[in-house]
């Protein structure tokens, strides 16, 4: 429980002192009794606690009114420090508010670094057809990201609110870490070294400094992209922190399978069926390509499984080194449901062209 003290007397001010006089008196005393100034003086440590406790009560309108009304009969509510130094922790009765204060004003152990940080990269997937991957296209993706709050400019504090002296450092902008003689000073995490803190958080972003926003982003997809290719849009990700650059938007491509084309590198593979007579006599057949139908000459006597090539009819290289080829695999299809005349013709063909296809080195294959 806090001691019964005269806070006006501790700060050396009149009971009708204005807010400006209270703050001025506190800043003057805080600089005199701060631990950085007198690190080895235990009396100084106790005085600094009393000064900060008095300022905490008298700088708050509601607490000051209640203190003036109750006098010294009861301790003021929400005492800033307890009497027992062993129960003081870091000297601040802010239990339950550490996370909130840490996010909003850089207070406590969870205070975020205050140097500029790049924003987080956003990830999304775009699914396209094979033809679009070959020719290139423009796709629109819906992205939800956080932007800096336009009201507080990403600071999380209400720009219309007032500022007061930082209670942690007493306006010095630095705090002591460790115990004498190995103690050292560092920038105050509460006020970021400014010596003052905002009294209210931003109403628009609830102190986060950021607002969620949906946006349609046009993604220009170059010719030749493949499945799992990534396109990086610089500066289209989350907003940076503390003036840092924006993150990137990373678009991962997913190319749908084509009903008859298969991609292998920059080449396109397709299987083309041939009749027995087309394979035996040769022919000119129409085959599909990504540029439209093309005539493919079939030389006489081709065998099933042989491959023919249409040069430069494949996929454009992302490296800009031309296009791949279209690879045509031939598959000979035997006729079905033959009539009597057709069977007779095939038997005559067999008689005129005796072939031992299953013989190797003059021997017939055996099971």
Protein backbone atom coordinates (compact mmCIF):
# COMPACT_ATOMS: atom_id res chain seq x y z
CA UNK A 1 0.00 0.00 0.00
CA UNK A 2 1.30 3.45 -0.81
CA UNK A 3 2.35 5.73 2.02
CA UNK A 4 0.30 8.73 3.03
CA UNK A 5 2.27 11.50 1.35
CA UNK A 6 1.71 15.10 0.33
CA UNK A 7 2.32 14.95 -3.39
CA UNK A 8 2.21 18.73 -3.78
CA UNK A 9 4.96 19.05 -1.19
CA UNK A 10 7.05 16.35 -2.91
CA UNK A 11 6.96 18.31 -6.18
CA UNK A 12 7.34 21.63 -4.40
CA UNK A 13 4.24 23.23 -5.93
CA UNK A 14 1.05 24.93 -4.73
CA UNK A 15 -2.17 22.97 -4.46
CA UNK A 16 -3.69 25.11 -7.20
CA UNK A 17 -0.74 24.58 -9.56
CA UNK A 18 -1.59 24.27 -13.27
CA UNK A 19 -0.81 21.25 -15.41
CA UNK A 20 2.11 23.08 -16.97
CA UNK A 21 3.56 23.90 -13.53
CA UNK A 22 3.19 20.27 -12.44
CA UNK A 23 4.98 18.99 -15.49
CA UNK A 24 7.73 21.61 -15.27
CA UNK A 25 8.38 20.78 -11.61
CA UNK A 26 8.43 17.08 -12.33
CA UNK A 27 10.88 17.36 -15.21
CA UNK A 28 13.24 19.47 -13.13
CA UNK A 29 13.20 17.05 -10.18
CA UNK A 30 13.36 13.95 -12.38
CA UNK A 31 16.55 15.15 -14.02
CA UNK A 32 18.06 15.87 -10.61
CA UNK A 33 17.15 12.56 -8.97
CA UNK A 34 17.34 10.20 -11.95
CA UNK A 35 19.48 7.10 -11.37
CA UNK A 36 21.67 7.93 -14.34
CA UNK A 37 22.70 11.12 -12.59
CA UNK A 38 23.30 9.57 -9.13
CA UNK A 39 23.62 5.80 -9.72
CA UNK A 40 25.29 5.02 -6.38
CA UNK A 41 22.96 7.05 -4.14
CA UNK A 42 20.18 4.88 -2.63
CA UNK A 43 18.44 7.99 -1.29
CA UNK A 44 18.19 9.28 -4.83
CA UNK A 45 16.42 6.07 -5.89
CA UNK A 46 13.72 6.52 -3.24
CA UNK A 47 13.28 10.20 -4.06
CA UNK A 48 12.89 9.48 -7.75
CA UNK A 49 10.13 6.95 -6.98
CA UNK A 50 8.27 9.48 -4.83
CA UNK A 51 8.59 12.19 -7.49
CA UNK A 52 7.28 9.89 -10.21
CA UNK A 53 4.44 8.70 -7.96
CA UNK A 54 3.43 12.28 -7.23
CA UNK A 55 3.50 13.20 -10.91
CA UNK A 56 1.43 10.13 -11.82
CA UNK A 57 -1.36 11.24 -9.50
CA UNK A 58 -1.30 15.01 -10.01
CA UNK A 59 -0.91 14.91 -13.80
CA UNK A 60 -4.11 12.87 -14.10
CA UNK A 61 -7.21 15.02 -13.71
CA UNK A 62 -9.45 12.31 -12.24
CA UNK A 63 -6.79 10.97 -9.87
CA UNK A 64 -5.90 14.48 -8.75
CA UNK A 65 -9.55 15.35 -8.00
CA UNK A 66 -9.98 12.18 -5.98
CA UNK A 67 -6.71 12.78 -4.13
CA UNK A 68 -7.72 16.37 -3.32
CA UNK A 69 -11.13 15.19 -2.13
CA UNK A 70 -9.85 12.36 0.09
CA UNK A 71 -6.79 14.22 1.32
CA UNK A 72 -4.24 12.07 3.11
CA UNK A 73 -6.73 9.80 4.87
CA UNK A 74 -6.66 7.18 2.10
CA UNK A 75 -4.04 6.32 -0.49
CA UNK A 76 -4.84 7.38 -4.02
CA UNK A 77 -6.27 4.68 -6.29
CA UNK A 78 -4.02 2.77 -8.72
CA UNK A 79 -0.85 3.68 -6.84
CA UNK A 80 2.08 4.03 -9.13
CA UNK A 81 4.49 2.26 -6.77
CA UNK A 82 4.12 0.06 -3.71
CA UNK A 83 6.12 0.73 -0.57
CA UNK A 84 7.94 -2.60 -0.64
CA UNK A 85 10.87 -2.33 -3.08
CA UNK A 86 10.89 -6.11 -3.47
CA UNK A 87 7.41 -6.02 -5.02
CA UNK A 88 8.06 -3.17 -7.37
CA UNK A 89 9.23 -5.27 -10.32
CA UNK A 90 10.54 -2.70 -12.73
CA UNK A 91 8.90 0.05 -10.65
CA UNK A 92 5.60 0.33 -12.59
CA UNK A 93 2.17 -0.92 -11.61
CA UNK A 94 1.07 -1.76 -15.18
CA UNK A 95 0.08 -5.41 -14.73
CA UNK A 96 -2.23 -6.52 -17.51
CA UNK A 97 -1.34 -3.61 -19.79
CA UNK A 98 2.20 -4.57 -20.81
CA UNK A 99 1.18 -6.03 -24.17
CA UNK A 100 -1.12 -3.14 -25.03
CA UNK A 101 1.43 -0.50 -24.10
CA UNK A 102 4.18 -2.41 -25.82
CA UNK A 103 2.27 -2.50 -29.11
CA UNK A 104 0.98 1.05 -28.99
CA UNK A 105 3.79 3.07 -27.47
CA UNK A 106 6.85 0.82 -27.51
CA UNK A 107 6.60 0.04 -23.78
CA UNK A 108 7.62 -3.10 -21.91
CA UNK A 109 9.58 -6.14 -23.00
CA UNK A 110 7.44 -6.68 -26.12
CA UNK A 111 8.28 -3.29 -27.55
CA UNK A 112 9.00 -3.60 -31.25
CA UNK A 113 12.30 -2.40 -32.69
CA UNK A 114 12.11 1.25 -33.69
CA UNK A 115 14.47 1.23 -36.65
CA UNK A 116 13.01 1.11 -40.19
CA UNK A 117 11.84 -2.38 -41.12
CA UNK A 118 10.75 -3.75 -44.48
CA UNK A 119 7.11 -4.80 -44.68
CA UNK A 120 6.05 -8.44 -44.88
CA UNK A 121 5.90 -10.10 -48.32
CA UNK A 122 2.42 -11.20 -49.41
CA UNK A 123 1.84 -14.53 -51.15
CA UNK A 124 -0.82 -15.48 -53.70
CA UNK A 125 -1.39 -18.07 -56.46
CA UNK A 126 -2.62 -17.43 -59.99
CA UNK A 127 -3.98 -20.31 -62.09
CA UNK A 128 -3.76 -19.97 -65.88
CA UNK A 129 -4.20 -22.10 -69.01
CA UNK A 130 -1.24 -23.50 -70.93
CA UNK A 131 -1.97 -21.18 -73.86
CA UNK A 132 -1.80 -18.18 -71.51
CA UNK A 133 1.51 -19.42 -70.10
CA UNK A 134 2.88 -19.70 -73.63
CA UNK A 135 1.66 -16.36 -74.97
CA UNK A 136 1.69 -14.36 -71.74
CA UNK A 137 -1.29 -12.63 -70.22
CA UNK A 138 -2.44 -10.16 -67.57
CA UNK A 139 -4.21 -11.49 -64.49
CA UNK A 140 -5.93 -9.65 -61.66
CA UNK A 141 -5.57 -10.86 -58.10
CA UNK A 142 -7.37 -9.66 -54.99
CA UNK A 143 -4.89 -8.87 -52.23
CA UNK A 144 -5.72 -7.98 -48.64
CA UNK A 145 -2.90 -6.14 -46.97
CA UNK A 146 -2.26 -3.66 -44.21
CA UNK A 147 -1.45 -0.04 -44.95
CA UNK A 148 -0.26 2.72 -42.68
CA UNK A 149 -3.13 4.40 -40.89
CA UNK A 150 -3.74 7.73 -42.68
CA UNK A 151 -4.85 9.38 -39.45
CA UNK A 152 -1.82 8.65 -37.29
CA UNK A 153 0.64 7.93 -40.15
CA UNK A 154 1.42 4.54 -38.69
CA UNK A 155 2.41 5.79 -35.22
CA UNK A 156 -0.61 4.33 -33.41
CA UNK A 157 -1.12 7.51 -31.35
CA UNK A 158 -3.97 9.97 -31.68
CA UNK A 159 -2.42 13.03 -33.37
CA UNK A 160 -4.98 15.27 -31.67
CA UNK A 161 -4.12 14.03 -28.18
CA UNK A 162 -1.59 15.68 -25.90
CA UNK A 163 1.79 14.42 -24.81
CA UNK A 164 3.19 14.06 -21.34
CA UNK A 165 6.56 13.40 -19.80
CA UNK A 166 7.58 9.76 -20.01
CA UNK A 167 7.20 8.13 -16.60
CA UNK A 168 9.88 5.56 -17.28
CA UNK A 169 12.77 7.92 -17.92
CA UNK A 170 11.41 11.13 -16.40
CA UNK A 171 11.85 12.91 -19.70
CA UNK A 172 15.54 12.03 -19.98
CA UNK A 173 15.00 9.74 -22.95
CA UNK A 174 17.25 7.07 -21.42
CA UNK A 175 16.86 4.41 -18.74
CA UNK A 176 19.35 2.54 -16.62
CA UNK A 177 19.85 -1.19 -17.19
CA UNK A 178 21.50 -3.32 -14.52
CA UNK A 179 22.94 -2.34 -11.16
CA UNK A 180 25.86 -0.14 -10.24
CA UNK A 181 28.78 -0.39 -10.94
CA UNK A 182 28.00 -2.42 -14.09
CA UNK A 183 24.89 -0.44 -14.98
CA UNK A 184 24.57 1.23 -18.36
CA UNK A 185 22.03 3.45 -20.08
CA UNK A 186 19.95 2.74 -23.15
CA UNK A 187 17.25 4.54 -25.11
CA UNK A 188 13.96 4.45 -23.24
CA UNK A 189 11.65 1.90 -24.94
CA UNK A 190 8.55 3.79 -23.74
CA UNK A 191 9.21 7.08 -25.46
CA UNK A 192 11.85 5.96 -28.01
CA UNK A 193 14.29 8.44 -26.52
CA UNK A 194 12.01 11.45 -26.99
CA UNK A 195 11.22 11.92 -23.31
CA UNK A 196 7.48 12.30 -24.00
CA UNK A 197 4.65 9.90 -24.82
CA UNK A 198 1.19 10.29 -26.33
CA UNK A 199 -1.70 10.09 -23.93
CA UNK A 200 -4.22 8.40 -26.27
CA UNK A 201 -4.11 5.78 -28.99
CA UNK A 202 -5.42 6.42 -32.50
CA UNK A 203 -9.16 5.79 -32.77
CA UNK A 204 -9.02 4.84 -36.46
CA UNK A 205 -6.60 1.93 -36.11
CA UNK A 206 -7.05 1.18 -32.38
CA UNK A 207 -3.39 1.96 -31.83
CA UNK A 208 -2.07 -0.61 -34.32
CA UNK A 209 -0.88 2.02 -36.78
CA UNK A 210 -2.29 -0.07 -39.63
CA UNK A 211 -5.56 -0.69 -41.45
CA UNK A 212 -6.59 -3.70 -43.54
CA UNK A 213 -7.32 -2.91 -47.17
CA UNK A 214 -8.38 -5.02 -50.18
CA UNK A 215 -6.92 -4.18 -53.55
CA UNK A 216 -7.07 -5.58 -57.07
CA UNK A 217 -3.54 -5.93 -58.43
CA UNK A 218 -2.78 -6.48 -62.12
CA UNK A 219 -0.05 -9.07 -62.67
CA UNK A 220 1.70 -9.06 -66.03
CA UNK A 221 2.61 -12.67 -66.80
CA UNK A 222 5.44 -12.96 -69.36
CA UNK A 223 5.41 -15.60 -72.13
CA UNK A 224 7.06 -18.87 -71.14
CA UNK A 225 6.18 -19.09 -67.44
CA UNK A 226 5.94 -22.60 -66.05
CA UNK A 227 4.19 -24.26 -63.16
CA UNK A 228 5.51 -22.99 -59.79
CA UNK A 229 7.25 -20.00 -61.38
CA UNK A 230 7.25 -16.94 -59.11
CA UNK A 231 6.71 -13.35 -60.10
CA UNK A 232 7.84 -10.65 -57.67
CA UNK A 233 6.03 -7.31 -57.62
CA UNK A 234 8.28 -4.95 -55.70
CA UNK A 235 6.64 -2.72 -53.12
CA UNK A 236 3.17 -4.30 -53.42
CA UNK A 237 3.24 -6.10 -50.06
CA UNK A 238 2.63 -4.94 -46.51
CA UNK A 239 3.62 -1.45 -45.45
CA UNK A 240 6.98 -1.16 -43.72
CA UNK A 241 7.41 -0.19 -40.09
CA UNK A 242 8.97 3.00 -38.84
CA UNK A 243 9.43 4.38 -42.32
CA UNK A 244 10.80 1.14 -43.78
CA UNK A 245 10.08 0.08 -47.39
CA UNK A 246 7.03 -1.91 -48.38
CA UNK A 247 7.25 -5.66 -48.78
CA UNK A 248 6.77 -7.48 -52.09
CA UNK A 249 3.86 -9.38 -53.60
CA UNK A 250 5.00 -12.89 -54.56
CA UNK A 251 2.77 -14.50 -57.21
CA UNK A 252 3.17 -18.26 -57.70
CA UNK A 253 2.00 -19.60 -61.07
CA UNK A 254 -0.13 -22.72 -61.47
CA UNK A 255 -0.52 -23.88 -65.09
CA UNK A 256 -3.48 -26.17 -65.83
CA UNK A 257 -2.84 -29.37 -67.77
CA UNK A 258 -3.72 -29.31 -71.48
CA UNK A 259 -5.95 -32.05 -72.92
CA UNK A 260 -3.31 -33.22 -75.46
CA UNK A 261 -0.18 -31.03 -75.21
CA UNK A 262 2.46 -31.93 -72.64
CA UNK A 263 5.21 -29.52 -71.69
CA UNK A 264 8.78 -30.67 -71.13
CA UNK A 265 11.05 -27.71 -70.65
CA UNK A 266 10.51 -25.40 -73.61
CA UNK A 267 9.29 -28.22 -75.87
CA UNK A 268 5.68 -29.25 -76.46
CA UNK A 269 4.94 -32.95 -76.93
CA UNK A 270 1.91 -34.36 -78.69
CA UNK A 271 0.94 -37.83 -79.90
CA UNK A 272 -0.46 -38.13 -83.44
CA UNK A 273 -2.20 -41.35 -84.63
CA UNK A 274 -1.59 -42.70 -88.16
CA UNK A 275 -3.37 -45.32 -90.21
CA UNK A 276 -1.45 -48.27 -91.56
CA UNK A 277 -1.52 -46.93 -95.09
CA UNK A 278 -0.43 -43.43 -93.99
CA UNK A 279 2.52 -44.95 -92.20
CA UNK A 280 3.38 -47.27 -95.09
CA UNK A 281 2.84 -44.94 -98.03
CA UNK A 282 3.60 -41.59 -96.43
CA UNK A 283 1.16 -38.70 -96.17
CA UNK A 284 0.58 -35.13 -95.18
CA UNK A 285 -1.47 -34.82 -92.00
CA UNK A 286 -2.82 -31.81 -90.15
CA UNK A 287 -1.59 -31.43 -86.57
CA UNK A 288 -2.48 -28.79 -83.97
CA UNK A 289 0.11 -26.28 -82.78
CA UNK A 290 -0.09 -23.32 -80.44
CA UNK A 291 -0.08 -21.07 -83.50
CA UNK A 292 -2.92 -22.95 -85.22
CA UNK A 293 -3.10 -26.05 -87.46
CA UNK A 294 0.05 -27.03 -89.40
CA UNK A 295 0.71 -29.60 -92.16
CA UNK A 296 3.16 -32.33 -91.16
CA UNK A 297 4.79 -34.44 -93.91
CA UNK A 298 4.91 -38.15 -92.98
CA UNK A 299 7.69 -40.05 -94.79
CA UNK A 300 6.88 -43.54 -96.11
CA UNK A 301 7.60 -46.46 -93.82
CA UNK A 302 7.52 -44.68 -90.48
CA UNK A 303 7.15 -46.84 -87.42
CA UNK A 304 5.01 -46.42 -84.35
CA UNK A 305 6.93 -44.48 -81.67
CA UNK A 306 9.07 -42.50 -84.10
CA UNK A 307 9.26 -38.75 -83.46
CA UNK A 308 9.07 -35.83 -85.84
CA UNK A 309 9.82 -32.20 -85.04
CA UNK A 310 8.28 -28.85 -85.88
CA UNK A 311 11.13 -26.45 -85.14
CA UNK A 312 10.33 -23.24 -83.27
CA UNK A 313 6.73 -24.28 -82.53
CA UNK A 314 7.31 -24.79 -78.82
CA UNK A 315 7.29 -22.45 -75.84
CA UNK A 316 9.12 -19.10 -75.71
CA UNK A 317 12.13 -19.18 -73.40
CA UNK A 318 11.94 -16.97 -70.34
CA UNK A 319 15.63 -16.26 -70.90
CA UNK A 320 14.79 -14.76 -74.30
CA UNK A 321 16.68 -17.39 -76.33
CA UNK A 322 14.00 -18.22 -78.89
CA UNK A 323 11.37 -20.95 -78.71
CA UNK A 324 11.43 -24.66 -78.16
CA UNK A 325 10.16 -27.28 -80.62
CA UNK A 326 6.96 -29.21 -81.00
CA UNK A 327 7.74 -32.93 -80.74
CA UNK A 328 5.28 -35.26 -82.49
CA UNK A 329 5.23 -38.91 -81.42
CA UNK A 330 3.67 -41.19 -84.07
CA UNK A 331 1.31 -43.98 -83.12
CA UNK A 332 0.08 -46.40 -85.79
CA UNK A 333 -3.51 -47.45 -85.26
CA UNK A 334 -4.71 -50.76 -86.76
CA UNK A 335 -8.21 -50.74 -88.28
CA UNK A 336 -11.01 -52.49 -86.42
CA UNK A 337 -14.21 -54.22 -87.57
CA UNK A 338 -12.87 -55.15 -91.02
CA UNK A 339 -15.29 -56.35 -93.71
CA UNK A 340 -14.52 -59.32 -95.93
CA UNK A 341 -13.03 -57.30 -98.77
CA UNK A 342 -10.65 -55.48 -96.42
CA UNK A 343 -9.50 -58.75 -94.87
CA UNK A 344 -8.83 -60.13 -98.32
CA UNK A 345 -6.73 -57.09 -99.23
CA UNK A 346 -4.67 -57.37 -96.04
CA UNK A 347 -4.02 -61.06 -96.62
CA UNK A 348 -2.84 -60.29 -100.14
CA UNK A 349 -0.60 -57.57 -98.70
CA UNK A 350 0.81 -60.10 -96.23
CA UNK A 351 1.49 -62.58 -99.03
CA UNK A 352 3.26 -59.98 -101.15
CA UNK A 353 5.35 -58.58 -98.26
CA UNK A 354 6.54 -61.47 -96.09
CA UNK A 355 8.32 -60.05 -93.02
CA UNK A 356 9.73 -61.79 -89.96
CA UNK A 357 9.48 -58.92 -87.48
CA UNK A 358 10.10 -61.08 -84.44
CA UNK A 359 13.32 -62.65 -85.70
CA UNK A 360 16.68 -61.49 -84.35
CA UNK A 361 19.99 -62.59 -85.87
CA UNK A 362 18.31 -65.24 -88.05
CA UNK A 363 16.49 -66.76 -85.04
CA UNK A 364 12.88 -66.48 -84.13
CA UNK A 365 12.05 -65.13 -80.69
CA UNK A 366 10.96 -67.79 -78.22
CA UNK A 367 8.89 -67.23 -75.11
